[in-house]
Amino acid sequence: MIRLGLTGSIGMGKSTTAAMFADAGIPVHDSDAAVHELYSGDAAPLIEAAFPGTVIDGVVDRKMLGERVLGDSDALGRLEAIVHPLVAAHEAAFVDQARAAGADLVVLDIPLLFEVGAQDRVDKVLVVTAPAAVQRERVLARPGMTEDRFAAILARQVPDRAKRAKADFIIDTSLGMDCARAKVRDLISVLTPEPAAMNNAAV
């Protein structure tokens, strides 16, 4: 079974691309969704201990927590030390389940793949990208996003050009949904050659 790591800087279209893999029947592990689950589960008491007052009725208040850690590298480091191992364990359980089910390919959607060294947990890396102007427009259109917040997020991410240099595969999401979807189909064919060959023969 091939573990394909999917990553990309903020606003590059990673979540949309992950959904395309899921629509094609490929199991996808969403790290952001795992964090949401953990914030109302195992991570909540640990975060409350490290950042008192950020957990309400057993659930982490993401806005409040964000205000506590954004721009504070020490606080962010403490949060990541709590969350990242829990997400990695959640991901490992997902991979084991997919392998047991006979999956040939799984996609691990990891926003900070290179930043946390998660390339060691995957076999291949797909980076989604877009021109900086497109990225900026997408991100600043998000509710609550500001120039300062955008700058702070970019500052803790590996630059797009460095991610592309380390990638096994690249999809430019600025070329439109149809183009991205076709690239996803092509990549699935490359990584799962036997099923793809059968499908082509059927057509």
C-alpha atoms as a PDB file:
ATOM      1  CA  MET A   1       0.000   0.000   0.000  1.00  0.00           C
ATOM      2  CA  ILE A   2       1.299   3.430  -0.955  1.00  0.00           C
ATOM      3  CA  ARG A   3       0.987   6.297   1.509  1.00  0.00           C
ATOM      4  CA  LEU A   4       0.762   9.548  -0.441  1.00  0.00           C
ATOM      5  CA  GLY A   5       1.409  12.645   1.639  1.00  0.00           C
ATOM      6  CA  LEU A   6      -0.617  15.645   0.467  1.00  0.00           C
ATOM      7  CA  THR A   7       0.543  19.076   1.528  1.00  0.00           C
ATOM      8  CA  GLY A   8       0.719  22.704   0.478  1.00  0.00           C
ATOM      9  CA  SER A   9       0.894  26.133   2.002  1.00  0.00           C
ATOM     10  CA  ILE A  10      -2.221  27.943   3.185  1.00  0.00           C
ATOM     11  CA  GLY A  11      -4.617  28.832   0.381  1.00  0.00           C
ATOM     12  CA  MET A  12      -3.082  26.466  -2.158  1.00  0.00           C
ATOM     13  CA  GLY A  13      -6.138  24.206  -2.521  1.00  0.00           C
ATOM     14  CA  LYS A  14      -5.085  21.244  -0.412  1.00  0.00           C
ATOM     15  CA  SER A  15      -8.503  20.490   1.085  1.00  0.00           C
ATOM     16  CA  THR A  16     -10.200  20.691  -2.311  1.00  0.00           C
ATOM     17  CA  THR A  17      -7.618  18.339  -3.797  1.00  0.00           C
ATOM     18  CA  ALA A  18      -8.021  15.908  -0.900  1.00  0.00           C
ATOM     19  CA  ALA A  19     -11.765  15.855  -1.576  1.00  0.00           C
ATOM     20  CA  MET A  20     -11.053  14.906  -5.197  1.00  0.00           C
ATOM     21  CA  PHE A  21      -9.111  11.849  -4.043  1.00  0.00           C
ATOM     22  CA  ALA A  22     -11.942  10.924  -1.680  1.00  0.00           C
ATOM     23  CA  ASP A  23     -14.481  11.334  -4.492  1.00  0.00           C
ATOM     24  CA  ALA A  24     -12.386   8.902  -6.546  1.00  0.00           C
ATOM     25  CA  GLY A  25     -12.695   6.297  -3.783  1.00  0.00           C
ATOM     26  CA  ILE A  26      -9.247   6.737  -2.249  1.00  0.00           C
ATOM     27  CA  PRO A  27      -9.142   6.662   1.591  1.00  0.00           C
ATOM     28  CA  VAL A  28      -8.073  10.094   2.880  1.00  0.00           C
ATOM     29  CA  HIS A  29      -6.874  10.968   6.359  1.00  0.00           C
ATOM     30  CA  ASP A  30      -7.558  14.629   7.119  1.00  0.00           C
ATOM     31  CA  SER A  31      -5.206  15.971   9.788  1.00  0.00           C
ATOM     32  CA  ASP A  32      -7.370  19.042  10.369  1.00  0.00           C
ATOM     33  CA  ALA A  33     -10.417  16.836  10.963  1.00  0.00           C
ATOM     34  CA  ALA A  34      -8.347  14.724  13.342  1.00  0.00           C
ATOM     35  CA  VAL A  35      -7.401  17.852  15.281  1.00  0.00           C
ATOM     36  CA  HIS A  36     -11.070  18.844  15.552  1.00  0.00           C
ATOM     37  CA  GLU A  37     -11.841  15.401  16.942  1.00  0.00           C
ATOM     38  CA  LEU A  38      -8.934  15.533  19.379  1.00  0.00           C
ATOM     39  CA  TYR A  39      -9.917  19.022  20.556  1.00  0.00           C
ATOM     40  CA  SER A  40     -13.093  17.533  22.001  1.00  0.00           C
ATOM     41  CA  GLY A  41     -11.317  14.375  23.142  1.00  0.00           C
ATOM     42  CA  ASP A  42      -7.837  13.328  24.204  1.00  0.00           C
ATOM     43  CA  ALA A  43      -6.145  16.677  23.533  1.00  0.00           C
ATOM     44  CA  ALA A  44      -8.599  18.843  25.490  1.00  0.00           C
ATOM     45  CA  PRO A  45      -7.360  18.183  29.047  1.00  0.00           C
ATOM     46  CA  LEU A  46      -3.725  18.446  27.951  1.00  0.00           C
ATOM     47  CA  ILE A  47      -4.354  21.786  26.243  1.00  0.00           C
ATOM     48  CA  GLU A  48      -6.323  23.109  29.210  1.00  0.00           C
ATOM     49  CA  ALA A  49      -3.398  22.240  31.465  1.00  0.00           C
ATOM     50  CA  ALA A  50      -0.957  24.075  29.192  1.00  0.00           C
ATOM     51  CA  PHE A  51      -3.265  26.983  28.322  1.00  0.00           C
ATOM     52  CA  PRO A  52      -5.780  27.421  31.168  1.00  0.00           C
ATOM     53  CA  GLY A  53      -9.167  28.793  30.173  1.00  0.00           C
ATOM     54  CA  THR A  54      -9.034  27.673  26.527  1.00  0.00           C
ATOM     55  CA  VAL A  55     -11.304  24.658  27.015  1.00  0.00           C
ATOM     56  CA  ILE A  56     -15.046  25.251  27.426  1.00  0.00           C
ATOM     57  CA  ASP A  57     -17.300  22.350  28.441  1.00  0.00           C
ATOM     58  CA  GLY A  58     -14.639  19.847  27.455  1.00  0.00           C
ATOM     59  CA  VAL A  59     -13.992  21.331  24.017  1.00  0.00           C
ATOM     60  CA  VAL A  60     -11.045  23.493  22.984  1.00  0.00           C
ATOM     61  CA  ASP A  61     -12.107  26.989  21.950  1.00  0.00           C
ATOM     62  CA  ARG A  62     -10.048  27.306  18.783  1.00  0.00           C
ATOM     63  CA  LYS A  63     -10.412  31.083  18.547  1.00  0.00           C
ATOM     64  CA  MET A  64      -9.310  31.591  22.127  1.00  0.00           C
ATOM     65  CA  LEU A  65      -6.434  29.156  21.750  1.00  0.00           C
ATOM     66  CA  GLY A  66      -5.362  30.829  18.517  1.00  0.00           C
ATOM     67  CA  GLU A  67      -5.197  34.195  20.242  1.00  0.00           C
ATOM     68  CA  ARG A  68      -2.950  32.670  22.898  1.00  0.00           C
ATOM     69  CA  VAL A  69      -0.427  31.062  20.528  1.00  0.00           C
ATOM     70  CA  LEU A  70      -0.382  33.076  17.300  1.00  0.00           C
ATOM     71  CA  GLY A  71       2.795  35.095  17.105  1.00  0.00           C
ATOM     72  CA  ASP A  72       4.250  33.405  20.218  1.00  0.00           C
ATOM     73  CA  SER A  73       6.719  30.783  19.052  1.00  0.00           C
ATOM     74  CA  ASP A  74       7.185  29.299  22.524  1.00  0.00           C
ATOM     75  CA  ALA A  75       3.442  28.887  23.077  1.00  0.00           C
ATOM     76  CA  LEU A  76       3.016  27.468  19.589  1.00  0.00           C
ATOM     77  CA  GLY A  77       5.804  24.996  20.246  1.00  0.00           C
ATOM     78  CA  ARG A  78       4.094  23.819  23.441  1.00  0.00           C
ATOM     79  CA  LEU A  79       0.815  23.350  21.575  1.00  0.00           C
ATOM     80  CA  GLU A  80       2.454  21.443  18.732  1.00  0.00           C
ATOM     81  CA  ALA A  81       4.234  19.166  21.226  1.00  0.00           C
ATOM     82  CA  ILE A  82       0.804  18.183  22.526  1.00  0.00           C
ATOM     83  CA  VAL A  83      -1.116  17.919  19.278  1.00  0.00           C
ATOM     84  CA  HIS A  84       1.305  16.524  16.713  1.00  0.00           C
ATOM     85  CA  PRO A  85       1.965  13.158  18.440  1.00  0.00           C
ATOM     86  CA  LEU A  86      -1.776  12.642  18.926  1.00  0.00           C
ATOM     87  CA  VAL A  87      -2.482  13.379  15.255  1.00  0.00           C
ATOM     88  CA  ALA A  88       0.329  11.033  14.193  1.00  0.00           C
ATOM     89  CA  ALA A  89      -1.190   8.239  16.312  1.00  0.00           C
ATOM     90  CA  HIS A  90      -4.642   8.932  14.819  1.00  0.00           C
ATOM     91  CA  GLU A  91      -3.100   8.762  11.339  1.00  0.00           C
ATOM     92  CA  ALA A  92      -1.248   5.524  12.088  1.00  0.00           C
ATOM     93  CA  ALA A  93      -4.491   3.857  13.185  1.00  0.00           C
ATOM     94  CA  PHE A  94      -6.133   5.031   9.936  1.00  0.00           C
ATOM     95  CA  VAL A  95      -3.288   3.577   7.857  1.00  0.00           C
ATOM     96  CA  ASP A  96      -3.503   0.251   9.680  1.00  0.00           C
ATOM     97  CA  GLN A  97      -7.256   0.072   9.068  1.00  0.00           C
ATOM     98  CA  ALA A  98      -6.862   0.916   5.371  1.00  0.00           C
ATOM     99  CA  ARG A  99      -4.134  -1.690   4.941  1.00  0.00           C
ATOM    100  CA  ALA A 100      -6.250  -4.319   6.660  1.00  0.00           C
ATOM    101  CA  ALA A 101      -9.105  -3.428   4.295  1.00  0.00           C
ATOM    102  CA  GLY A 102      -6.850  -4.067   1.290  1.00  0.00           C
ATOM    103  CA  ALA A 103      -6.383  -0.472   0.092  1.00  0.00           C
ATOM    104  CA  ASP A 104      -3.667   0.012  -2.549  1.00  0.00           C
ATOM    105  CA  LEU A 105      -3.344   3.741  -1.897  1.00  0.00           C
ATOM    106  CA  VAL A 106      -4.146   6.130   0.936  1.00  0.00           C
ATOM    107  CA  VAL A 107      -3.794   9.903   1.015  1.00  0.00           C
ATOM    108  CA  LEU A 108      -2.515  11.524   4.182  1.00  0.00           C
ATOM    109  CA  ASP A 109      -3.551  15.184   4.147  1.00  0.00           C
ATOM    110  CA  ILE A 110      -0.846  16.820   6.291  1.00  0.00           C
ATOM    111  CA  PRO A 111      -0.804  20.655   6.202  1.00  0.00           C
ATOM    112  CA  LEU A 112       2.628  20.960   7.863  1.00  0.00           C
ATOM    113  CA  LEU A 113       4.176  17.825   6.365  1.00  0.00           C
ATOM    114  CA  PHE A 114       7.664  19.226   5.837  1.00  0.00           C
ATOM    115  CA  GLU A 115       7.528  21.501   8.865  1.00  0.00           C
ATOM    116  CA  VAL A 116       7.042  18.566  11.264  1.00  0.00           C
ATOM    117  CA  GLY A 117       9.173  16.040   9.384  1.00  0.00           C
ATOM    118  CA  ALA A 118       6.188  13.909   8.393  1.00  0.00           C
ATOM    119  CA  GLN A 119       7.771  13.008   5.051  1.00  0.00           C
ATOM    120  CA  ASP A 120       9.234  10.057   6.955  1.00  0.00           C
ATOM    121  CA  ARG A 121       5.676   8.718   7.414  1.00  0.00           C
ATOM    122  CA  VAL A 122       4.822   8.653   3.692  1.00  0.00           C
ATOM    123  CA  ASP A 123       6.097   6.970   0.541  1.00  0.00           C
ATOM    124  CA  LYS A 124       5.486   9.834  -1.892  1.00  0.00           C
ATOM    125  CA  VAL A 125       4.685  13.535  -1.513  1.00  0.00           C
ATOM    126  CA  LEU A 126       2.187  15.576  -3.530  1.00  0.00           C
ATOM    127  CA  VAL A 127       2.435  19.344  -3.190  1.00  0.00           C
ATOM    128  CA  VAL A 128      -0.418  21.558  -4.325  1.00  0.00           C
ATOM    129  CA  THR A 129       0.597  25.027  -5.392  1.00  0.00           C
ATOM    130  CA  ALA A 130      -0.656  28.261  -6.970  1.00  0.00           C
ATOM    131  CA  PRO A 131       0.867  31.629  -7.836  1.00  0.00           C
ATOM    132  CA  ALA A 132       1.445  33.883  -4.832  1.00  0.00           C
ATOM    133  CA  ALA A 133      -1.155  36.381  -6.015  1.00  0.00           C
ATOM    134  CA  VAL A 134      -3.808  33.664  -6.227  1.00  0.00           C
ATOM    135  CA  GLN A 135      -2.841  32.322  -2.808  1.00  0.00           C
ATOM    136  CA  ARG A 136      -3.065  35.784  -1.276  1.00  0.00           C
ATOM    137  CA  GLU A 137      -6.485  36.473  -2.794  1.00  0.00           C
ATOM    138  CA  ARG A 138      -7.861  33.157  -1.559  1.00  0.00           C
ATOM    139  CA  VAL A 139      -6.550  33.538   1.975  1.00  0.00           C
ATOM    140  CA  LEU A 140      -7.539  37.149   2.529  1.00  0.00           C
ATOM    141  CA  ALA A 141     -11.068  36.303   1.374  1.00  0.00           C
ATOM    142  CA  ARG A 142     -11.474  34.004   4.395  1.00  0.00           C
ATOM    143  CA  PRO A 143     -13.616  35.306   7.267  1.00  0.00           C
ATOM    144  CA  GLY A 144     -11.526  36.851  10.014  1.00  0.00           C
ATOM    145  CA  MET A 145      -8.285  36.745   8.046  1.00  0.00           C
ATOM    146  CA  THR A 146      -6.024  39.795   8.237  1.00  0.00           C
ATOM    147  CA  GLU A 147      -2.723  40.770   6.646  1.00  0.00           C
ATOM    148  CA  ASP A 148      -0.927  40.259   9.976  1.00  0.00           C
ATOM    149  CA  ARG A 149      -2.470  36.845  10.547  1.00  0.00           C
ATOM    150  CA  PHE A 150      -1.638  35.767   7.003  1.00  0.00           C
ATOM    151  CA  ALA A 151       1.962  36.924   7.454  1.00  0.00           C
ATOM    152  CA  ALA A 152       2.255  35.065  10.764  1.00  0.00           C
ATOM    153  CA  ILE A 153       0.973  31.840   9.201  1.00  0.00           C
ATOM    154  CA  LEU A 154       3.346  32.117   6.235  1.00  0.00           C
ATOM    155  CA  ALA A 155       6.268  32.766   8.567  1.00  0.00           C
ATOM    156  CA  ARG A 156       5.913  29.324  10.146  1.00  0.00           C
ATOM    157  CA  GLN A 157       5.466  27.448   6.864  1.00  0.00           C
ATOM    158  CA  VAL A 158       8.194  26.156   4.574  1.00  0.00           C
ATOM    159  CA  PRO A 159       8.147  28.403   1.460  1.00  0.00           C
ATOM    160  CA  ASP A 160       6.167  27.094  -1.493  1.00  0.00           C
ATOM    161  CA  ARG A 161       9.220  26.915  -3.748  1.00  0.00           C
ATOM    162  CA  ALA A 162      11.032  24.728  -1.187  1.00  0.00           C
ATOM    163  CA  LYS A 163       8.034  22.409  -0.924  1.00  0.00           C
ATOM    164  CA  ARG A 164       7.864  22.065  -4.690  1.00  0.00           C
ATOM    165  CA  ALA A 165      11.576  21.225  -4.795  1.00  0.00           C
ATOM    166  CA  LYS A 166      11.002  18.349  -2.360  1.00  0.00           C
ATOM    167  CA  ALA A 167       7.821  17.021  -3.980  1.00  0.00           C
ATOM    168  CA  ASP A 168       7.428  13.819  -5.952  1.00  0.00           C
ATOM    169  CA  PHE A 169       4.306  15.255  -7.626  1.00  0.00           C
ATOM    170  CA  ILE A 170       2.929  18.787  -8.038  1.00  0.00           C
ATOM    171  CA  ILE A 171      -0.562  20.013  -8.919  1.00  0.00           C
ATOM    172  CA  ASP A 172      -1.143  23.675  -9.761  1.00  0.00           C
ATOM    173  CA  THR A 173      -4.649  24.389  -8.478  1.00  0.00           C
ATOM    174  CA  SER A 174      -4.866  27.775 -10.175  1.00  0.00           C
ATOM    175  CA  LEU A 175      -5.566  26.097 -13.520  1.00  0.00           C
ATOM    176  CA  GLY A 176      -9.139  25.225 -12.605  1.00  0.00           C
ATOM    177  CA  MET A 177     -11.102  22.420 -10.964  1.00  0.00           C
ATOM    178  CA  ASP A 178     -11.332  20.271 -14.096  1.00  0.00           C
ATOM    179  CA  CYS A 179      -7.582  20.398 -14.613  1.00  0.00           C
ATOM    180  CA  ALA A 180      -6.885  19.536 -10.968  1.00  0.00           C
ATOM    181  CA  ARG A 181      -9.372  16.670 -11.061  1.00  0.00           C
ATOM    182  CA  ALA A 182      -7.718  15.282 -14.205  1.00  0.00           C
ATOM    183  CA  LYS A 183      -4.305  15.504 -12.528  1.00  0.00           C
ATOM    184  CA  VAL A 184      -5.673  13.617  -9.520  1.00  0.00           C
ATOM    185  CA  ARG A 185      -7.027  10.873 -11.788  1.00  0.00           C
ATOM    186  CA  ASP A 186      -3.703  10.647 -13.580  1.00  0.00           C
ATOM    187  CA  LEU A 187      -1.831  10.385 -10.297  1.00  0.00           C
ATOM    188  CA  ILE A 188      -4.125   7.639  -9.042  1.00  0.00           C
ATOM    189  CA  SER A 189      -3.417   5.746 -12.274  1.00  0.00           C
ATOM    190  CA  VAL A 190       0.322   6.112 -11.712  1.00  0.00           C
ATOM    191  CA  LEU A 191       0.187   4.955  -8.111  1.00  0.00           C
ATOM    192  CA  THR A 192      -2.340   2.158  -8.624  1.00  0.00           C
ATOM    193  CA  PRO A 193      -1.356   0.859 -12.082  1.00  0.00           C
ATOM    194  CA  GLU A 194      -3.252  -2.413 -12.099  1.00  0.00           C
ATOM    195  CA  PRO A 195      -6.733  -1.016 -11.295  1.00  0.00           C
ATOM    196  CA  ALA A 196      -6.103   1.859 -13.691  1.00  0.00           C
ATOM    197  CA  ALA A 197      -5.159  -0.541 -16.480  1.00  0.00           C
ATOM    198  CA  MET A 198      -8.344  -2.533 -15.908  1.00  0.00           C
ATOM    199  CA  ASN A 199     -10.429   0.634 -16.033  1.00  0.00           C
ATOM    200  CA  ASN A 200      -8.794   1.759 -19.259  1.00  0.00           C
ATOM    201  CA  ALA A 201      -9.413  -1.651 -20.817  1.00  0.00           C
ATOM    202  CA  ALA A 202     -13.080  -1.420 -19.877  1.00  0.00           C
ATOM    203  CA  VAL A 203     -13.377   1.948 -21.582  1.00  0.00           C
END
